[in-house]
Structure formats: structure tokens, C-alpha cells
C-alpha atoms as a PDB file:
ATOM      1  CA  MET A   1      88.862  92.189 132.004  1.00  0.00           C
ATOM      2  CA  ALA A   2      87.278  95.157 132.854  1.00  0.00           C
ATOM      3  CA  ILE A   3      83.630  96.032 133.911  1.00  0.00           C
ATOM      4  CA  LEU A   4      80.992  98.636 132.206  1.00  0.00           C
ATOM      5  CA  PRO A   5      79.073 100.723 134.160  1.00  0.00           C
ATOM      6  CA  ASN A   6      76.026  98.828 133.580  1.00  0.00           C
ATOM      7  CA  GLY A   7      78.107  95.630 134.251  1.00  0.00           C
ATOM      8  CA  GLU A   8      79.174  93.843 130.966  1.00  0.00           C
ATOM      9  CA  LYS A   9      82.576  92.264 131.216  1.00  0.00           C
ATOM     10  CA  VAL A  10      85.011  93.519 128.121  1.00  0.00           C
ATOM     11  CA  VAL A  11      88.293  93.033 127.418  1.00  0.00           C
ATOM     12  CA  LYS A  12      91.293  94.225 125.624  1.00  0.00           C
ATOM     13  CA  ILE A  13      93.684  97.234 126.664  1.00  0.00           C
ATOM     14  CA  GLN A  14      96.640  97.936 125.348  1.00  0.00           C
ATOM     15  CA  ARG A  15      99.707  97.554 127.731  1.00  0.00           C
ATOM     16  CA  PRO A  16     101.431 100.655 128.254  1.00  0.00           C
ATOM     17  CA  GLY A  17     104.526 101.337 126.324  1.00  0.00           C
ATOM     18  CA  LEU A  18     103.545  99.172 123.312  1.00  0.00           C
ATOM     19  CA  ASN A  19     104.431 101.540 120.705  1.00  0.00           C
ATOM     20  CA  LYS A  20     107.452 101.645 122.077  1.00  0.00           C
ATOM     21  CA  PHE A  21     108.372  98.259 122.082  1.00  0.00           C
ATOM     22  CA  PHE A  22     106.993  97.949 118.368  1.00  0.00           C
ATOM     23  CA  ASP A  23     109.280 100.886 117.119  1.00  0.00           C
ATOM     24  CA  ILE A  24     112.695  99.176 118.673  1.00  0.00           C
ATOM     25  CA  ASP A  25     111.770  95.885 117.628  1.00  0.00           C
ATOM     26  CA  ILE A  26     110.689  97.251 113.679  1.00  0.00           C
ATOM     27  CA  ARG A  27     113.798  99.052 113.968  1.00  0.00           C
ATOM     28  CA  ASN A  28     115.988  95.835 114.669  1.00  0.00           C
ATOM     29  CA  LEU A  29     114.381  93.762 111.381  1.00  0.00           C
ATOM     30  CA  LYS A  30     114.719  96.528 109.236  1.00  0.00           C
ATOM     31  CA  LEU A  31     118.356  96.487 109.464  1.00  0.00           C
ATOM     32  CA  VAL A  32     118.295  92.605 109.484  1.00  0.00           C
ATOM     33  CA  ALA A  33     116.402  93.568 106.062  1.00  0.00           C
ATOM     34  CA  GLU A  34     118.482  95.975 105.218  1.00  0.00           C
ATOM     35  CA  TYR A  35     121.449  93.478 105.812  1.00  0.00           C
ATOM     36  CA  PHE A  36     120.008  90.583 103.844  1.00  0.00           C
ATOM     37  CA  GLN A  37     119.001  93.070 100.789  1.00  0.00           C
ATOM     38  CA  ARG A  38     122.862  94.284 100.371  1.00  0.00           C
ATOM     39  CA  SER A  39     124.123  90.671 101.623  1.00  0.00           C
ATOM     40  CA  GLU A  40     125.324  88.461  97.882  1.00  0.00           C
ATOM     41  CA  THR A  41     126.671  85.378  99.669  1.00  0.00           C
ATOM     42  CA  LEU A  42     123.401  84.887 102.600  1.00  0.00           C
ATOM     43  CA  VAL A  43     120.583  85.009  99.797  1.00  0.00           C
ATOM     44  CA  LEU A  44     118.719  82.221  98.508  1.00  0.00           C
ATOM     45  CA  ASP A  45     116.764  84.517  96.093  1.00  0.00           C
ATOM     46  CA  PRO A  46     118.302  87.739  95.170  1.00  0.00           C
ATOM     47  CA  SER A  47     114.854  88.563  93.545  1.00  0.00           C
ATOM     48  CA  ASN A  48     113.244  88.950  97.107  1.00  0.00           C
ATOM     49  CA  ASP A  49     112.623  92.623  97.322  1.00  0.00           C
ATOM     50  CA  ARG A  50     113.383  92.692 101.480  1.00  0.00           C
ATOM     51  CA  ILE A  51     112.906  95.904 102.613  1.00  0.00           C
ATOM     52  CA  GLY A  52     109.487  95.698 100.521  1.00  0.00           C
ATOM     53  CA  ILE A  53     108.364  92.555 102.688  1.00  0.00           C
ATOM     54  CA  TYR A  54     109.839  94.659 105.619  1.00  0.00           C
ATOM     55  CA  ASP A  55     107.778  97.724 104.442  1.00  0.00           C
ATOM     56  CA  GLY A  56     104.550  95.653 104.365  1.00  0.00           C
ATOM     57  CA  TYR A  57     104.594  94.005 107.310  1.00  0.00           C
ATOM     58  CA  SER A  58     105.626  97.005 109.765  1.00  0.00           C
ATOM     59  CA  LYS A  59     102.525  98.726 108.273  1.00  0.00           C
ATOM     60  CA  ILE A  60     100.364  95.582 108.722  1.00  0.00           C
ATOM     61  CA  LEU A  61     102.065  95.286 112.677  1.00  0.00           C
ATOM     62  CA  TYR A  62     101.205  98.877 112.985  1.00  0.00           C
ATOM     63  CA  GLU A  63      97.693  98.412 111.847  1.00  0.00           C
ATOM     64  CA  GLU A  64      97.279  96.016 114.986  1.00  0.00           C
ATOM     65  CA  ILE A  65      97.812  97.941 117.313  1.00  0.00           C
ATOM     66  CA  ASP A  66      95.406 100.607 116.506  1.00  0.00           C
ATOM     67  CA  TYR A  67      92.646  99.457 118.316  1.00  0.00           C
ATOM     68  CA  VAL A  68      90.153 101.415 116.801  1.00  0.00           C
ATOM     69  CA  ASN A  69      91.297  99.446 113.050  1.00  0.00           C
ATOM     70  CA  GLU A  70      91.068  96.065 114.891  1.00  0.00           C
ATOM     71  CA  GLY A  71      87.917  96.825 115.667  1.00  0.00           C
ATOM     72  CA  LYS A  72      86.676  97.669 112.399  1.00  0.00           C
ATOM     73  CA  ASN A  73      88.131  94.618 111.350  1.00  0.00           C
ATOM     74  CA  ALA A  74      86.229  92.353 113.997  1.00  0.00           C
ATOM     75  CA  ASP A  75      82.860  93.774 111.945  1.00  0.00           C
ATOM     76  CA  ARG A  76      83.755  92.870 108.743  1.00  0.00           C
ATOM     77  CA  PHE A  77      84.467  89.636 109.909  1.00  0.00           C
ATOM     78  CA  ARG A  78      81.290  89.344 112.070  1.00  0.00           C
ATOM     79  CA  ARG A  79      79.415  90.683 108.897  1.00  0.00           C
ATOM     80  CA  ASP A  80      81.401  87.990 106.589  1.00  0.00           C
ATOM     81  CA  PHE A  81      80.865  85.313 108.899  1.00  0.00           C
ATOM     82  CA  ARG A  82      77.599  85.559 110.393  1.00  0.00           C
ATOM     83  CA  ASN A  83      75.510  82.713 108.122  1.00  0.00           C
ATOM     84  CA  ILE A  84      78.189  80.006 109.379  1.00  0.00           C
ATOM     85  CA  LYS A  85      76.705  79.308 113.388  1.00  0.00           C
ATOM     86  CA  TRP A  86      80.201  78.195 115.047  1.00  0.00           C
ATOM     87  CA  VAL A  87      81.861  81.591 114.061  1.00  0.00           C
ATOM     88  CA  ARG A  88      81.246  83.968 117.271  1.00  0.00           C
ATOM     89  CA  VAL A  89      83.203  87.246 117.010  1.00  0.00           C
ATOM     90  CA  PRO A  90      82.491  89.251 119.957  1.00  0.00           C
ATOM     91  CA  PHE A  91      80.775  92.473 119.480  1.00  0.00           C
ATOM     92  CA  VAL A  92      82.852  96.069 119.329  1.00  0.00           C
ATOM     93  CA  ASN A  93      81.568  98.669 122.398  1.00  0.00           C
ATOM     94  CA  TRP A  94      82.285 101.412 119.896  1.00  0.00           C
ATOM     95  CA  ASP A  95      81.306 104.194 122.890  1.00  0.00           C
ATOM     96  CA  TYR A  96      84.110 102.804 124.995  1.00  0.00           C
ATOM     97  CA  THR A  97      86.741 101.904 122.267  1.00  0.00           C
ATOM     98  CA  SER A  98      89.691 104.285 121.416  1.00  0.00           C
ATOM     99  CA  PRO A  99      93.114 103.394 119.740  1.00  0.00           C
ATOM    100  CA  LYS A 100      94.705 101.834 122.810  1.00  0.00           C
ATOM    101  CA  VAL A 101      90.953 100.719 123.883  1.00  0.00           C
ATOM    102  CA  LEU A 102      89.716  97.981 122.264  1.00  0.00           C
ATOM    103  CA  THR A 103      85.931  96.965 124.019  1.00  0.00           C
ATOM    104  CA  LEU A 104      84.924  94.197 122.627  1.00  0.00           C
ATOM    105  CA  GLU A 105      81.929  91.718 124.380  1.00  0.00           C
ATOM    106  CA  TYR A 106      83.733  89.113 126.482  1.00  0.00           C
ATOM    107  CA  PHE A 107      83.684  85.441 125.767  1.00  0.00           C
ATOM    108  CA  PRO A 108      85.122  83.047 128.403  1.00  0.00           C
ATOM    109  CA  GLY A 109      87.546  80.848 127.370  1.00  0.00           C
ATOM    110  CA  VAL A 110      90.563  79.006 128.242  1.00  0.00           C
ATOM    111  CA  LYS A 111      93.732  80.596 127.724  1.00  0.00           C
ATOM    112  CA  ILE A 112      96.616  78.851 125.924  1.00  0.00           C
ATOM    113  CA  GLN A 113     100.242  78.693 126.647  1.00  0.00           C
ATOM    114  CA  PHE A 114     103.160  77.213 124.984  1.00  0.00           C
ATOM    115  CA  GLY A 115     106.517  76.338 126.821  1.00  0.00           C
ATOM    116  CA  ALA A 116     106.912  75.980 130.585  1.00  0.00           C
ATOM    117  CA  ALA A 117     103.988  77.173 132.890  1.00  0.00           C
END
């Protein structure tokens, strides 16, 4: 959480080096996709285009770490669900948003964790 000069609480700053971790993970997933694309014995459905699936997912994942894009999606989601009272989407503060910083209205909540604490 961060606090703007006007005292407003806001959230979501990208972890430093996240793009590098994505690059490594995506490269490894591509190797797995290529392996299964070539394999004739390990494939349940040979008609599946594993490289095409990889390409689609990698594009979506990189879009998710572009916080300007994520902010636009939040605005669209809020607009689409504006008439449903139990759906709340935080407002994006565009003056303080960039590809690596998404400045959202703060909503207090409970962090959900799985596994050992």
C-alpha cells in the first residue's frame, strides 16, 4: 500500500525484476510446448497446437504485467458491472499510473493464503 500526497491510500506496485522472471518462465514453458508438440507418444490429442496455446498465453501474461493495460481493463470491468450492487471495482488514479505502477483506490480486505503460513 502507498499513500498519495492528498492522503489517499492506493495499491499495486510491480515487483522489481518481474519482467526478467516472466522471460525465464515463458522461455521454459516454450521449451515444454515445443517438446510436447514434437512428441508422438506423450500427446493425448495430436491435433492440439501446443505452440499456438503457448503463444496465446504468453501474450496474455505480458499484457497482465503492463499496468496501464490492466487499468484499462479495470475501467472496462467497472463500466460493464456498474449496475450490479455487489460488484465493486477500485477506481484507477491515472495521474499516478504507469506500466509498472497501478494506482488503485484502496479497498481493505483479507489476504487469502494457501499452504503453510
